[in-house]
Amino acid sequence: MGKFLEVEKQRQVTLKIRSLFFSDVARADGTYKDKPRPFCLPSERADENLFSEIRQSSMAYFAAQEIKWHDGRDERPSNH
């Protein structure tokens, strides 16, 4: 894995821990493609990857238009 990718993964872990954008539950490590990933959200909090002010409307729009989320599960965004 390249240096840039390693730096970005760590930056995302720090952002997830310190940011006010995520709930306490969303700060836990997530699993992606069957591997634990500290930079991912827990799958039950995947929707927190969307900006809070447009989260519900975005999810409603995708559902109404039958748009699938890239790597999403259960009609929700990806946790990655």
C-alpha atoms as a PDB file:
ATOM      1  CA  MET A   1       0.000   0.000   0.000  1.00  0.00           C
ATOM      2  CA  GLY A   2       1.306   3.419  -0.902  1.00  0.00           C
ATOM      3  CA  LYS A   3       2.290   6.150   1.530  1.00  0.00           C
ATOM      4  CA  PHE A   4      -0.587   8.411   0.461  1.00  0.00           C
ATOM      5  CA  LEU A   5      -3.177   5.717   1.148  1.00  0.00           C
ATOM      6  CA  GLU A   6      -1.732   4.947   4.569  1.00  0.00           C
ATOM      7  CA  VAL A   7      -1.683   8.631   5.518  1.00  0.00           C
ATOM      8  CA  GLU A   8      -5.268   9.106   4.327  1.00  0.00           C
ATOM      9  CA  LYS A   9      -6.540   6.074   6.225  1.00  0.00           C
ATOM     10  CA  GLN A  10      -5.035   7.406   9.443  1.00  0.00           C
ATOM     11  CA  ARG A  11      -6.416  10.868   8.718  1.00  0.00           C
ATOM     12  CA  GLN A  12      -9.887   9.363   8.339  1.00  0.00           C
ATOM     13  CA  VAL A  13      -9.560   7.492  11.645  1.00  0.00           C
ATOM     14  CA  THR A  14      -8.631  10.752  13.371  1.00  0.00           C
ATOM     15  CA  LEU A  15     -11.494  12.605  11.682  1.00  0.00           C
ATOM     16  CA  LYS A  16     -13.967   9.938  12.734  1.00  0.00           C
ATOM     17  CA  ILE A  17     -12.839  10.101  16.360  1.00  0.00           C
ATOM     18  CA  ARG A  18     -12.629  13.899  16.683  1.00  0.00           C
ATOM     19  CA  SER A  19     -15.332  15.163  14.363  1.00  0.00           C
ATOM     20  CA  LEU A  20     -18.675  16.397  15.613  1.00  0.00           C
ATOM     21  CA  PHE A  21     -20.252  14.982  12.438  1.00  0.00           C
ATOM     22  CA  PHE A  22     -20.441  11.443  13.803  1.00  0.00           C
ATOM     23  CA  SER A  23     -22.381   9.971  16.700  1.00  0.00           C
ATOM     24  CA  ASP A  24     -20.530   8.156  19.475  1.00  0.00           C
ATOM     25  CA  VAL A  25     -21.760   4.840  18.066  1.00  0.00           C
ATOM     26  CA  ALA A  26     -20.413   5.706  14.598  1.00  0.00           C
ATOM     27  CA  ARG A  27     -16.927   6.266  16.031  1.00  0.00           C
ATOM     28  CA  ALA A  28     -16.464   2.526  16.563  1.00  0.00           C
ATOM     29  CA  ASP A  29     -14.464   0.546  14.008  1.00  0.00           C
ATOM     30  CA  GLY A  30     -16.385  -0.746  11.042  1.00  0.00           C
ATOM     31  CA  THR A  31     -16.094  -3.860   8.918  1.00  0.00           C
ATOM     32  CA  TYR A  32     -15.803  -3.656   5.158  1.00  0.00           C
ATOM     33  CA  LYS A  33     -15.573  -6.683   2.869  1.00  0.00           C
ATOM     34  CA  ASP A  34     -15.337  -8.928   5.937  1.00  0.00           C
ATOM     35  CA  LYS A  35     -12.281  -7.134   7.363  1.00  0.00           C
ATOM     36  CA  PRO A  36     -12.155  -4.811  10.355  1.00  0.00           C
ATOM     37  CA  ARG A  37     -11.450  -1.268   9.170  1.00  0.00           C
ATOM     38  CA  PRO A  38     -10.984   1.480  11.760  1.00  0.00           C
ATOM     39  CA  PHE A  39     -11.549   4.180   9.122  1.00  0.00           C
ATOM     40  CA  CYS A  40     -15.005   2.796   8.219  1.00  0.00           C
ATOM     41  CA  LEU A  41     -18.221   3.361  10.113  1.00  0.00           C
ATOM     42  CA  PRO A  42     -20.080   0.478  11.719  1.00  0.00           C
ATOM     43  CA  SER A  43     -22.523  -0.806   9.086  1.00  0.00           C
ATOM     44  CA  GLU A  44     -25.569   0.109  11.198  1.00  0.00           C
ATOM     45  CA  ARG A  45     -24.386   3.761  11.047  1.00  0.00           C
ATOM     46  CA  ALA A  46     -23.502   3.855   7.337  1.00  0.00           C
ATOM     47  CA  ASP A  47     -26.000   6.659   6.752  1.00  0.00           C
ATOM     48  CA  GLU A  48     -23.743   8.941   8.818  1.00  0.00           C
ATOM     49  CA  ASN A  49     -21.423   9.018   5.806  1.00  0.00           C
ATOM     50  CA  LEU A  50     -23.913  11.509   4.379  1.00  0.00           C
ATOM     51  CA  PHE A  51     -23.946  15.139   5.507  1.00  0.00           C
ATOM     52  CA  SER A  52     -26.598  15.408   8.213  1.00  0.00           C
ATOM     53  CA  GLU A  53     -28.478  18.283   6.571  1.00  0.00           C
ATOM     54  CA  ILE A  54     -29.176  16.269   3.412  1.00  0.00           C
ATOM     55  CA  ARG A  55     -29.085  12.731   4.854  1.00  0.00           C
ATOM     56  CA  GLN A  56     -32.824  12.026   4.965  1.00  0.00           C
ATOM     57  CA  SER A  57     -33.667  13.776   1.708  1.00  0.00           C
ATOM     58  CA  SER A  58     -30.818  12.015  -0.108  1.00  0.00           C
ATOM     59  CA  MET A  59     -31.885   8.625   1.165  1.00  0.00           C
ATOM     60  CA  ALA A  60     -35.517   9.353   0.262  1.00  0.00           C
ATOM     61  CA  TYR A  61     -34.511  10.483  -3.236  1.00  0.00           C
ATOM     62  CA  PHE A  62     -32.395   7.382  -3.864  1.00  0.00           C
ATOM     63  CA  ALA A  63     -35.255   5.176  -2.653  1.00  0.00           C
ATOM     64  CA  ALA A  64     -37.879   6.972  -4.763  1.00  0.00           C
ATOM     65  CA  GLN A  65     -35.701   6.820  -7.881  1.00  0.00           C
ATOM     66  CA  GLU A  66     -34.650   3.210  -7.134  1.00  0.00           C
ATOM     67  CA  ILE A  67     -30.978   4.213  -7.222  1.00  0.00           C
ATOM     68  CA  LYS A  68     -28.607   1.752  -5.612  1.00  0.00           C
ATOM     69  CA  TRP A  69     -25.837   3.047  -3.370  1.00  0.00           C
ATOM     70  CA  HIS A  70     -22.330   2.050  -4.439  1.00  0.00           C
ATOM     71  CA  ASP A  71     -21.378  -0.809  -2.090  1.00  0.00           C
ATOM     72  CA  GLY A  72     -24.414   0.033   0.034  1.00  0.00           C
ATOM     73  CA  ARG A  73     -26.346  -2.554   2.020  1.00  0.00           C
ATOM     74  CA  ASP A  74     -30.075  -2.762   2.736  1.00  0.00           C
ATOM     75  CA  GLU A  75     -30.840   0.300   0.587  1.00  0.00           C
ATOM     76  CA  ARG A  76     -28.418   2.403   2.607  1.00  0.00           C
ATOM     77  CA  PRO A  77     -25.095   4.075   1.726  1.00  0.00           C
ATOM     78  CA  SER A  78     -21.791   2.276   2.104  1.00  0.00           C
ATOM     79  CA  ASN A  79     -20.049   2.440   5.458  1.00  0.00           C
ATOM     80  CA  HIS A  80     -16.705   2.959   3.675  1.00  0.00           C
END
